[in-house]
Amino acid sequence: MDEADYAAGLEDDASAEPETVYDNVGEWVTDWLLPTYSRPLDDVAKFRWDPQWWRYPEVVMRLEALWISWEKMRLEGGPAIVVFYRDYLDPMMRTILDPDGPFHTYNPHKEDRDGPREHLPEPLPHSQMPPGLMELL
């Protein structure tokens, strides 16, 4: 093998994305996160979780970021997994499960656990951004 073939082989290896354990965030949440991450959700709980988490765009974005981070960091092993828990999973789940977080409108006593959600949170209000503003930054 000459140097050009060797270099091309290295480029192929470097550009190849490692295969993920889970095909999507839904599988990761169902098969890894929910079975391994537990918090009390009783009447006096300070945590809130909607079983239909996928209806909340903020939750989906946050969980997808966690899943992608987990997929990459699991390949690094030991210390990377500690960093994943400390710097990614724990802070993100505190935000997701916070009673004032994305599930703030969810009430498990008022909602049919399998039915539609009538009280999903409203998006934050916004005004139209002036044209050309981003080019100034």
Protein backbone atom coordinates (compact mmCIF):
# COMPACT_ATOMS: atom_id res chain seq x y z
CA MET A 1 0.00 0.00 0.00
CA ASP A 2 1.46 3.35 -0.99
CA GLU A 3 1.14 6.60 1.01
CA ALA A 4 -1.83 7.85 -1.03
CA ASP A 5 -3.81 4.66 -0.39
CA TYR A 6 -2.91 4.80 3.32
CA ALA A 7 -4.01 8.46 3.58
CA ALA A 8 -7.28 7.72 1.76
CA GLY A 9 -7.96 4.88 4.19
CA LEU A 10 -7.39 7.17 7.15
CA GLU A 11 -9.78 9.76 5.69
CA ASP A 12 -12.45 7.08 5.23
CA ASP A 13 -12.03 5.93 8.85
CA ALA A 14 -12.13 9.51 10.20
CA SER A 15 -15.23 10.49 8.23
CA ALA A 16 -17.18 7.33 9.10
CA GLU A 17 -19.73 8.07 11.80
CA PRO A 18 -19.86 5.40 14.50
CA GLU A 19 -23.07 3.42 14.58
CA THR A 20 -25.53 4.48 17.25
CA VAL A 21 -27.04 2.10 19.80
CA TYR A 22 -30.47 3.66 19.33
CA ASP A 23 -32.03 4.75 16.04
CA ASN A 24 -33.75 7.83 17.45
CA VAL A 25 -34.44 9.84 20.58
CA GLY A 26 -37.72 8.00 21.21
CA GLU A 27 -35.96 4.65 21.44
CA TRP A 28 -33.28 6.11 23.69
CA VAL A 29 -35.84 7.66 26.05
CA THR A 30 -37.96 4.49 26.19
CA ASP A 31 -35.17 1.92 26.36
CA TRP A 32 -32.39 3.71 28.26
CA LEU A 33 -33.45 6.94 29.98
CA LEU A 34 -36.79 6.00 31.55
CA PRO A 35 -35.68 2.59 32.88
CA THR A 36 -32.53 4.07 34.45
CA TYR A 37 -33.58 7.56 35.59
CA SER A 38 -36.18 7.72 38.34
CA ARG A 39 -37.67 10.47 40.47
CA PRO A 40 -40.76 10.56 42.73
CA LEU A 41 -43.86 11.79 40.93
CA ASP A 42 -46.42 11.62 43.74
CA ASP A 43 -48.73 14.41 44.96
CA VAL A 44 -46.00 16.19 46.93
CA ALA A 45 -43.27 15.61 44.37
CA LYS A 46 -41.10 18.44 43.22
CA PHE A 47 -40.75 16.81 39.80
CA ARG A 48 -43.17 16.77 36.89
CA TRP A 49 -43.17 14.36 33.90
CA ASP A 50 -45.74 13.92 31.15
CA PRO A 51 -45.78 10.39 29.68
CA GLN A 52 -46.53 12.09 26.36
CA TRP A 53 -43.21 13.99 26.55
CA TRP A 54 -42.92 13.95 22.75
CA ARG A 55 -45.70 16.56 22.49
CA TYR A 56 -43.43 19.25 23.97
CA PRO A 57 -40.93 20.69 21.47
CA GLU A 58 -38.62 21.95 24.22
CA VAL A 59 -38.46 18.51 25.82
CA VAL A 60 -37.83 16.80 22.49
CA MET A 61 -34.97 19.21 21.70
CA ARG A 62 -33.41 18.73 25.13
CA LEU A 63 -33.75 14.94 25.10
CA GLU A 64 -32.40 14.71 21.57
CA ALA A 65 -29.32 16.70 22.65
CA LEU A 66 -28.88 14.30 25.58
CA TRP A 67 -29.26 11.25 23.36
CA ILE A 68 -26.69 12.48 20.83
CA SER A 69 -24.29 13.38 23.65
CA TRP A 70 -24.78 9.96 25.25
CA GLU A 71 -24.14 8.17 21.94
CA LYS A 72 -20.85 10.04 21.47
CA MET A 73 -19.65 9.93 25.07
CA ARG A 74 -20.38 6.23 25.62
CA LEU A 75 -17.70 5.47 23.04
CA GLU A 76 -15.12 7.35 25.10
CA GLY A 77 -15.91 5.29 28.21
CA GLY A 78 -15.20 5.91 31.91
CA PRO A 79 -14.50 9.60 32.52
CA ALA A 80 -16.67 10.71 29.59
CA ILE A 81 -19.69 8.94 31.07
CA VAL A 82 -19.09 10.67 34.40
CA VAL A 83 -18.96 13.99 32.55
CA PHE A 84 -22.16 13.06 30.70
CA TYR A 85 -24.01 12.52 33.98
CA ARG A 86 -22.52 15.52 35.78
CA ASP A 87 -22.52 18.13 33.01
CA TYR A 88 -25.32 16.98 30.71
CA LEU A 89 -27.88 14.52 32.08
CA ASP A 90 -28.37 15.78 35.62
CA PRO A 91 -28.67 19.52 34.82
CA MET A 92 -30.87 18.88 31.78
CA MET A 93 -33.21 16.54 33.65
CA ARG A 94 -33.49 19.04 36.52
CA THR A 95 -34.71 21.58 33.95
CA ILE A 96 -37.08 19.15 32.23
CA LEU A 97 -38.60 17.82 35.46
CA ASP A 98 -38.82 21.18 37.25
CA PRO A 99 -42.42 22.11 38.15
CA ASP A 100 -41.80 25.46 36.43
CA GLY A 101 -40.17 23.74 33.44
CA PRO A 102 -41.65 22.57 30.15
CA PHE A 103 -44.29 20.40 31.87
CA HIS A 104 -45.58 23.28 34.02
CA THR A 105 -49.08 23.01 32.52
CA TYR A 106 -49.28 19.24 32.92
CA ASN A 107 -51.43 17.98 35.78
CA PRO A 108 -51.50 14.18 36.06
CA HIS A 109 -54.78 14.37 38.03
CA LYS A 110 -56.62 16.36 35.35
CA GLU A 111 -55.27 14.69 32.23
CA ASP A 112 -56.31 11.39 30.75
CA ARG A 113 -52.96 9.61 30.83
CA ASP A 114 -53.42 8.36 27.27
CA GLY A 115 -55.67 11.04 25.82
CA PRO A 116 -54.90 14.35 24.12
CA ARG A 117 -53.32 17.22 26.00
CA GLU A 118 -55.54 20.28 26.00
CA HIS A 119 -53.24 22.45 28.06
CA LEU A 120 -49.85 22.32 26.39
CA PRO A 121 -47.76 25.38 27.25
CA GLU A 122 -47.96 28.34 24.91
CA PRO A 123 -44.75 29.43 23.16
CA LEU A 124 -43.11 32.55 24.51
CA PRO A 125 -44.30 35.73 22.77
CA HIS A 126 -42.03 37.38 20.23
CA SER A 127 -41.85 40.31 17.88
CA GLN A 128 -40.65 40.24 14.29
CA MET A 129 -36.91 40.86 14.16
CA PRO A 130 -35.91 43.92 12.11
CA PRO A 131 -34.51 42.96 8.69
CA GLY A 132 -30.72 43.02 8.52
CA LEU A 133 -30.24 42.98 12.31
CA MET A 134 -28.26 39.73 12.31
CA GLU A 135 -25.84 41.05 9.68
CA LEU A 136 -24.83 43.78 12.16
CA LEU A 137 -23.81 41.27 14.82
